[in-house]
Amino acid sequence: MDGASAKRSVWPALMLAVLLTACGGGGHNPSAASGSASASSSSRPPVSLPDAPPPNPDCKGSVKAHIDIPHPSLGTVRLFLILDATVTGPRVGCVAAVASNGKVLPAIPVDVSGNAFDFANPVTDSTGNAFVTDNPGRYDGVLVLVPTPDGFQDIGWGNTHYQGKRAYYYANLEGPGPNGQYTIRQFNNDCTPSCAAGRVTSQVLHWNGTDYVP
């Protein structure tokens, strides 16, 4: 076979290879599909949280404030402080919460004197706990929301809604400190010979992983 004939026999094979390559490139491209899916996923709007919690007969009033916090198992949780501004004198407010998955957590009733009912700033510390400050009457208090797999620990109220296992009465928040954690300074009055003339002492409580201890 001469040189011209050899060239003519090679060209059809080359053209077929080019066409097959082009068709293969136009088929399924995993990288392109993956990139498209990632772009679609990242462009999805975040879950919309409500501006107010669902009506609750045990949580009457209007929203005084709300704030979003990260929860280790529920994702973003929106906390609400509810207070009835039409009531004069001592009030019963509440902390309500709704998770980004739509779950409504049990409301936490809180005795409030006046308007002293606020989120701490910042509302959470490096422990993951969230903090609300209030004044149920006479002395300030600190309410601590400790996350659990399905919400927050029970506050552990006694006969009133101002002091309990996670509600520290006659107490102030301090910090966060260098470790990123709040401490709670709790006061005590021995009321001897009277509360007005009693000796006031205090101790600082810190989080040990499960509880606030001296």
C-alpha atoms as a PDB file:
ATOM      1  CA  MET A   1       0.000   0.000   0.000  1.00  0.00           C
ATOM      2  CA  ASP A   2       1.408   3.456  -0.932  1.00  0.00           C
ATOM      3  CA  GLY A   3       1.538   6.442   1.471  1.00  0.00           C
ATOM      4  CA  ALA A   4      -1.624   8.118   0.098  1.00  0.00           C
ATOM      5  CA  SER A   5      -3.683   4.949   0.531  1.00  0.00           C
ATOM      6  CA  ALA A   6      -2.469   4.502   4.125  1.00  0.00           C
ATOM      7  CA  LYS A   7      -3.507   8.037   5.011  1.00  0.00           C
ATOM      8  CA  ARG A   8      -6.968   7.526   3.508  1.00  0.00           C
ATOM      9  CA  SER A   9      -7.502   4.363   5.587  1.00  0.00           C
ATOM     10  CA  VAL A  10      -6.457   6.054   8.875  1.00  0.00           C
ATOM     11  CA  TRP A  11      -8.732   9.132   8.638  1.00  0.00           C
ATOM     12  CA  PRO A  12     -12.107   7.286   9.030  1.00  0.00           C
ATOM     13  CA  ALA A  13     -10.828   5.535  12.175  1.00  0.00           C
ATOM     14  CA  LEU A  14      -9.672   8.843  13.681  1.00  0.00           C
ATOM     15  CA  MET A  15     -12.997  10.539  12.940  1.00  0.00           C
ATOM     16  CA  LEU A  16     -14.911   7.662  14.588  1.00  0.00           C
ATOM     17  CA  ALA A  17     -12.747   7.938  17.729  1.00  0.00           C
ATOM     18  CA  VAL A  18     -13.387  11.704  17.928  1.00  0.00           C
ATOM     19  CA  LEU A  19     -17.154  11.216  17.610  1.00  0.00           C
ATOM     20  CA  LEU A  20     -17.218   8.512  20.305  1.00  0.00           C
ATOM     21  CA  THR A  21     -15.215  10.713  22.676  1.00  0.00           C
ATOM     22  CA  ALA A  22     -17.569  13.659  22.100  1.00  0.00           C
ATOM     23  CA  CYS A  23     -20.634  11.509  22.762  1.00  0.00           C
ATOM     24  CA  GLY A  24     -19.100  10.113  25.931  1.00  0.00           C
ATOM     25  CA  GLY A  25     -18.394  13.659  27.168  1.00  0.00           C
ATOM     26  CA  GLY A  26     -22.015  14.585  26.666  1.00  0.00           C
ATOM     27  CA  GLY A  27     -23.260  11.718  28.864  1.00  0.00           C
ATOM     28  CA  HIS A  28     -23.531  11.481  32.664  1.00  0.00           C
ATOM     29  CA  ASN A  29     -20.815  13.520  34.368  1.00  0.00           C
ATOM     30  CA  PRO A  30     -20.638  12.607  38.082  1.00  0.00           C
ATOM     31  CA  SER A  31     -18.618  15.696  38.968  1.00  0.00           C
ATOM     32  CA  ALA A  32     -21.030  18.029  37.230  1.00  0.00           C
ATOM     33  CA  ALA A  33     -24.042  16.304  38.778  1.00  0.00           C
ATOM     34  CA  SER A  34     -22.457  16.423  42.209  1.00  0.00           C
ATOM     35  CA  GLY A  35     -21.657  20.110  41.806  1.00  0.00           C
ATOM     36  CA  SER A  36     -25.211  20.832  40.713  1.00  0.00           C
ATOM     37  CA  ALA A  37     -26.634  18.946  43.705  1.00  0.00           C
ATOM     38  CA  SER A  38     -24.310  20.776  46.098  1.00  0.00           C
ATOM     39  CA  ALA A  39     -25.324  24.120  44.654  1.00  0.00           C
ATOM     40  CA  SER A  40     -28.992  23.180  44.973  1.00  0.00           C
ATOM     41  CA  SER A  41     -28.508  22.013  48.572  1.00  0.00           C
ATOM     42  CA  SER A  42     -26.614  25.129  49.629  1.00  0.00           C
ATOM     43  CA  SER A  43     -29.260  27.378  48.078  1.00  0.00           C
ATOM     44  CA  ARG A  44     -32.122  25.871  50.091  1.00  0.00           C
ATOM     45  CA  PRO A  45     -33.650  28.477  52.427  1.00  0.00           C
ATOM     46  CA  PRO A  46     -33.222  27.898  56.195  1.00  0.00           C
ATOM     47  CA  VAL A  47     -36.175  26.573  58.166  1.00  0.00           C
ATOM     48  CA  SER A  48     -38.402  29.481  59.171  1.00  0.00           C
ATOM     49  CA  LEU A  49     -38.906  29.868  62.918  1.00  0.00           C
ATOM     50  CA  PRO A  50     -42.025  31.664  64.212  1.00  0.00           C
ATOM     51  CA  ASP A  51     -42.071  35.203  65.602  1.00  0.00           C
ATOM     52  CA  ALA A  52     -44.187  33.939  68.501  1.00  0.00           C
ATOM     53  CA  PRO A  53     -44.763  30.514  70.064  1.00  0.00           C
ATOM     54  CA  PRO A  54     -48.089  28.686  69.634  1.00  0.00           C
ATOM     55  CA  PRO A  55     -50.824  29.772  72.101  1.00  0.00           C
ATOM     56  CA  ASN A  56     -50.472  28.159  75.504  1.00  0.00           C
ATOM     57  CA  PRO A  57     -52.898  28.667  78.415  1.00  0.00           C
ATOM     58  CA  ASP A  58     -49.979  28.370  80.832  1.00  0.00           C
ATOM     59  CA  CYS A  59     -47.933  30.971  78.979  1.00  0.00           C
ATOM     60  CA  LYS A  60     -50.054  34.121  78.692  1.00  0.00           C
ATOM     61  CA  GLY A  61     -48.872  37.494  77.503  1.00  0.00           C
ATOM     62  CA  SER A  62     -46.864  38.887  74.623  1.00  0.00           C
ATOM     63  CA  VAL A  63     -43.329  38.312  73.399  1.00  0.00           C
ATOM     64  CA  LYS A  64     -40.896  40.526  75.297  1.00  0.00           C
ATOM     65  CA  ALA A  65     -37.870  39.163  73.453  1.00  0.00           C
ATOM     66  CA  HIS A  66     -36.709  36.181  71.448  1.00  0.00           C
ATOM     67  CA  ILE A  67     -33.343  34.767  70.492  1.00  0.00           C
ATOM     68  CA  ASP A  68     -31.985  31.740  68.605  1.00  0.00           C
ATOM     69  CA  ILE A  69     -29.536  29.329  70.218  1.00  0.00           C
ATOM     70  CA  PRO A  70     -27.795  26.155  69.008  1.00  0.00           C
ATOM     71  CA  HIS A  71     -29.054  22.963  70.620  1.00  0.00           C
ATOM     72  CA  PRO A  72     -26.873  19.809  70.502  1.00  0.00           C
ATOM     73  CA  SER A  73     -29.686  17.507  69.333  1.00  0.00           C
ATOM     74  CA  LEU A  74     -32.522  19.747  68.112  1.00  0.00           C
ATOM     75  CA  GLY A  75     -30.509  22.138  65.955  1.00  0.00           C
ATOM     76  CA  THR A  76     -31.500  25.781  66.198  1.00  0.00           C
ATOM     77  CA  VAL A  77     -33.979  26.540  68.979  1.00  0.00           C
ATOM     78  CA  ARG A  78     -35.764  29.870  69.293  1.00  0.00           C
ATOM     79  CA  LEU A  79     -36.332  30.981  72.875  1.00  0.00           C
ATOM     80  CA  PHE A  80     -39.118  33.410  73.773  1.00  0.00           C
ATOM     81  CA  LEU A  81     -39.645  35.475  76.906  1.00  0.00           C
ATOM     82  CA  ILE A  82     -43.394  35.911  77.420  1.00  0.00           C
ATOM     83  CA  LEU A  83     -44.749  38.512  79.833  1.00  0.00           C
ATOM     84  CA  ASP A  84     -48.229  39.958  80.327  1.00  0.00           C
ATOM     85  CA  ALA A  85     -47.704  43.715  80.329  1.00  0.00           C
ATOM     86  CA  THR A  86     -51.322  44.369  81.320  1.00  0.00           C
ATOM     87  CA  VAL A  87     -50.824  42.901  84.800  1.00  0.00           C
ATOM     88  CA  THR A  88     -49.662  45.239  87.550  1.00  0.00           C
ATOM     89  CA  GLY A  89     -47.597  43.998  90.482  1.00  0.00           C
ATOM     90  CA  PRO A  90     -46.114  40.487  90.554  1.00  0.00           C
ATOM     91  CA  ARG A  91     -46.487  38.593  87.299  1.00  0.00           C
ATOM     92  CA  VAL A  92     -45.974  35.087  86.006  1.00  0.00           C
ATOM     93  CA  GLY A  93     -43.967  35.135  82.808  1.00  0.00           C
ATOM     94  CA  CYS A  94     -42.638  32.147  80.933  1.00  0.00           C
ATOM     95  CA  VAL A  95     -39.834  30.928  78.744  1.00  0.00           C
ATOM     96  CA  ALA A  96     -41.185  29.257  75.602  1.00  0.00           C
ATOM     97  CA  ALA A  97     -39.144  27.459  72.948  1.00  0.00           C
ATOM     98  CA  VAL A  98     -39.646  26.131  69.415  1.00  0.00           C
ATOM     99  CA  ALA A  99     -37.069  23.979  67.593  1.00  0.00           C
ATOM    100  CA  SER A 100     -36.212  24.296  63.908  1.00  0.00           C
ATOM    101  CA  ASN A 101     -37.764  20.858  63.304  1.00  0.00           C
ATOM    102  CA  GLY A 102     -41.106  22.291  64.473  1.00  0.00           C
ATOM    103  CA  LYS A 103     -41.044  20.729  67.938  1.00  0.00           C
ATOM    104  CA  VAL A 104     -42.641  22.912  70.635  1.00  0.00           C
ATOM    105  CA  LEU A 105     -40.923  22.486  73.999  1.00  0.00           C
ATOM    106  CA  PRO A 106     -42.748  22.719  77.342  1.00  0.00           C
ATOM    107  CA  ALA A 107     -43.133  26.281  78.608  1.00  0.00           C
ATOM    108  CA  ILE A 108     -41.265  27.245  81.787  1.00  0.00           C
ATOM    109  CA  PRO A 109     -43.273  29.529  84.127  1.00  0.00           C
ATOM    110  CA  VAL A 110     -41.290  32.184  85.999  1.00  0.00           C
ATOM    111  CA  ASP A 111     -42.317  34.636  88.724  1.00  0.00           C
ATOM    112  CA  VAL A 112     -41.415  38.156  87.598  1.00  0.00           C
ATOM    113  CA  SER A 113     -41.462  41.435  89.470  1.00  0.00           C
ATOM    114  CA  GLY A 114     -41.949  44.422  87.194  1.00  0.00           C
ATOM    115  CA  ASN A 115     -40.166  44.073  83.868  1.00  0.00           C
ATOM    116  CA  ALA A 116     -36.972  42.350  85.102  1.00  0.00           C
ATOM    117  CA  PHE A 117     -36.933  39.415  82.713  1.00  0.00           C
ATOM    118  CA  ASP A 118     -34.141  39.243  80.124  1.00  0.00           C
ATOM    119  CA  PHE A 119     -31.748  37.028  78.229  1.00  0.00           C
ATOM    120  CA  ALA A 120     -28.160  37.106  79.406  1.00  0.00           C
ATOM    121  CA  ASN A 121     -25.701  38.722  77.002  1.00  0.00           C
ATOM    122  CA  PRO A 122     -24.374  36.466  75.558  1.00  0.00           C
ATOM    123  CA  VAL A 123     -27.298  34.126  76.117  1.00  0.00           C
ATOM    124  CA  THR A 124     -25.141  30.958  76.007  1.00  0.00           C
ATOM    125  CA  ASP A 125     -21.619  30.190  77.151  1.00  0.00           C
ATOM    126  CA  SER A 126     -19.077  27.492  76.305  1.00  0.00           C
ATOM    127  CA  THR A 127     -21.007  24.919  78.372  1.00  0.00           C
ATOM    128  CA  GLY A 128     -23.895  25.094  75.889  1.00  0.00           C
ATOM    129  CA  ASN A 129     -26.262  26.172  78.662  1.00  0.00           C
ATOM    130  CA  ALA A 130     -28.532  29.183  78.129  1.00  0.00           C
ATOM    131  CA  PHE A 131     -29.220  31.857  80.748  1.00  0.00           C
ATOM    132  CA  VAL A 132     -32.145  34.093  81.649  1.00  0.00           C
ATOM    133  CA  THR A 133     -31.984  36.754  84.355  1.00  0.00           C
ATOM    134  CA  ASP A 134     -35.025  37.856  86.324  1.00  0.00           C
ATOM    135  CA  ASN A 135     -36.196  39.393  89.560  1.00  0.00           C
ATOM    136  CA  PRO A 136     -39.072  37.468  91.088  1.00  0.00           C
ATOM    137  CA  GLY A 137     -39.296  39.959  93.944  1.00  0.00           C
ATOM    138  CA  ARG A 138     -36.739  41.670  96.194  1.00  0.00           C
ATOM    139  CA  TYR A 139     -33.655  39.853  94.847  1.00  0.00           C
ATOM    140  CA  ASP A 140     -32.338  39.005  91.377  1.00  0.00           C
ATOM    141  CA  GLY A 141     -32.304  35.465  90.050  1.00  0.00           C
ATOM    142  CA  VAL A 142     -30.713  33.359  87.319  1.00  0.00           C
ATOM    143  CA  LEU A 143     -32.537  30.686  85.308  1.00  0.00           C
ATOM    144  CA  VAL A 144     -30.324  28.106  83.584  1.00  0.00           C
ATOM    145  CA  LEU A 145     -31.537  26.083  80.590  1.00  0.00           C
ATOM    146  CA  VAL A 146     -29.461  22.892  80.416  1.00  0.00           C
ATOM    147  CA  PRO A 147     -29.891  20.967  77.113  1.00  0.00           C
ATOM    148  CA  THR A 148     -31.113  17.366  77.072  1.00  0.00           C
ATOM    149  CA  PRO A 149     -31.663  15.101  74.035  1.00  0.00           C
ATOM    150  CA  ASP A 150     -35.311  16.204  73.764  1.00  0.00           C
ATOM    151  CA  GLY A 151     -35.235  19.757  75.154  1.00  0.00           C
ATOM    152  CA  PHE A 152     -34.034  21.187  78.467  1.00  0.00           C
ATOM    153  CA  GLN A 153     -33.725  19.841  81.993  1.00  0.00           C
ATOM    154  CA  ASP A 154     -36.652  20.345  84.319  1.00  0.00           C
ATOM    155  CA  ILE A 155     -36.129  23.518  86.355  1.00  0.00           C
ATOM    156  CA  GLY A 156     -37.109  21.689  89.535  1.00  0.00           C
ATOM    157  CA  TRP A 157     -39.403  24.306  91.014  1.00  0.00           C
ATOM    158  CA  GLY A 158     -40.525  23.949  94.612  1.00  0.00           C
ATOM    159  CA  ASN A 159     -43.750  25.565  95.801  1.00  0.00           C
ATOM    160  CA  THR A 160     -42.928  28.770  93.912  1.00  0.00           C
ATOM    161  CA  HIS A 161     -41.625  29.761  90.510  1.00  0.00           C
ATOM    162  CA  TYR A 162     -38.594  31.687  91.662  1.00  0.00           C
ATOM    163  CA  GLN A 163     -36.230  29.106  93.186  1.00  0.00           C
ATOM    164  CA  GLY A 164     -35.399  25.545  92.102  1.00  0.00           C
ATOM    165  CA  LYS A 165     -32.618  23.221  90.989  1.00  0.00           C
ATOM    166  CA  ARG A 166     -31.934  25.289  87.866  1.00  0.00           C
ATOM    167  CA  ALA A 167     -33.341  28.566  89.196  1.00  0.00           C
ATOM    168  CA  TYR A 168     -30.899  30.408  91.438  1.00  0.00           C
ATOM    169  CA  TYR A 169     -32.490  33.056  93.639  1.00  0.00           C
ATOM    170  CA  TYR A 170     -30.600  35.965  95.221  1.00  0.00           C
ATOM    171  CA  ALA A 171     -27.943  35.429  92.578  1.00  0.00           C
ATOM    172  CA  ASN A 172     -26.094  37.186  89.764  1.00  0.00           C
ATOM    173  CA  LEU A 173     -24.318  35.969  86.639  1.00  0.00           C
ATOM    174  CA  GLU A 174     -20.608  36.718  86.357  1.00  0.00           C
ATOM    175  CA  GLY A 175     -18.464  36.386  83.230  1.00  0.00           C
ATOM    176  CA  PRO A 176     -18.068  34.659  80.907  1.00  0.00           C
ATOM    177  CA  GLY A 177     -14.520  34.146  82.146  1.00  0.00           C
ATOM    178  CA  PRO A 178     -11.354  33.119  80.253  1.00  0.00           C
ATOM    179  CA  ASN A 179     -12.747  29.590  79.847  1.00  0.00           C
ATOM    180  CA  GLY A 180     -15.845  30.989  78.148  1.00  0.00           C
ATOM    181  CA  GLN A 181     -18.124  29.985  81.013  1.00  0.00           C
ATOM    182  CA  TYR A 182     -20.432  31.961  83.260  1.00  0.00           C
ATOM    183  CA  THR A 183     -20.275  31.537  87.007  1.00  0.00           C
ATOM    184  CA  ILE A 184     -23.160  32.233  89.368  1.00  0.00           C
ATOM    185  CA  ARG A 185     -22.602  34.260  92.494  1.00  0.00           C
ATOM    186  CA  GLN A 186     -25.267  33.316  95.020  1.00  0.00           C
ATOM    187  CA  PHE A 187     -25.840  35.327  98.173  1.00  0.00           C
ATOM    188  CA  ASN A 188     -27.113  34.360 101.596  1.00  0.00           C
ATOM    189  CA  ASN A 189     -28.437  36.484 104.464  1.00  0.00           C
ATOM    190  CA  ASP A 190     -28.410  34.884 107.891  1.00  0.00           C
ATOM    191  CA  CYS A 191     -31.128  37.358 108.989  1.00  0.00           C
ATOM    192  CA  THR A 192     -29.576  37.660 112.452  1.00  0.00           C
ATOM    193  CA  PRO A 193     -30.727  39.540 114.440  1.00  0.00           C
ATOM    194  CA  SER A 194     -33.029  40.522 111.533  1.00  0.00           C
ATOM    195  CA  CYS A 195     -32.854  40.286 107.781  1.00  0.00           C
ATOM    196  CA  ALA A 196     -32.347  44.050 107.565  1.00  0.00           C
ATOM    197  CA  ALA A 197     -29.333  43.803 109.883  1.00  0.00           C
ATOM    198  CA  GLY A 198     -28.220  40.311 108.892  1.00  0.00           C
ATOM    199  CA  ARG A 199     -24.807  39.232 107.646  1.00  0.00           C
ATOM    200  CA  VAL A 200     -24.672  38.729 103.885  1.00  0.00           C
ATOM    201  CA  THR A 201     -22.190  36.231 102.432  1.00  0.00           C
ATOM    202  CA  SER A 202     -21.787  34.820  98.947  1.00  0.00           C
ATOM    203  CA  GLN A 203     -20.283  31.899  97.105  1.00  0.00           C
ATOM    204  CA  VAL A 204     -19.370  31.434  93.458  1.00  0.00           C
ATOM    205  CA  LEU A 205     -20.855  28.424  91.674  1.00  0.00           C
ATOM    206  CA  HIS A 206     -19.194  26.956  88.582  1.00  0.00           C
ATOM    207  CA  TRP A 207     -20.307  24.279  86.114  1.00  0.00           C
ATOM    208  CA  ASN A 208     -18.624  20.898  86.689  1.00  0.00           C
ATOM    209  CA  GLY A 209     -20.223  19.226  83.679  1.00  0.00           C
ATOM    210  CA  THR A 210     -23.448  18.196  85.396  1.00  0.00           C
ATOM    211  CA  ASP A 211     -24.191  20.839  88.044  1.00  0.00           C
ATOM    212  CA  TYR A 212     -23.254  24.228  89.485  1.00  0.00           C
ATOM    213  CA  VAL A 213     -21.082  23.691  92.538  1.00  0.00           C
ATOM    214  CA  PRO A 214     -18.952  25.918  94.832  1.00  0.00           C
END
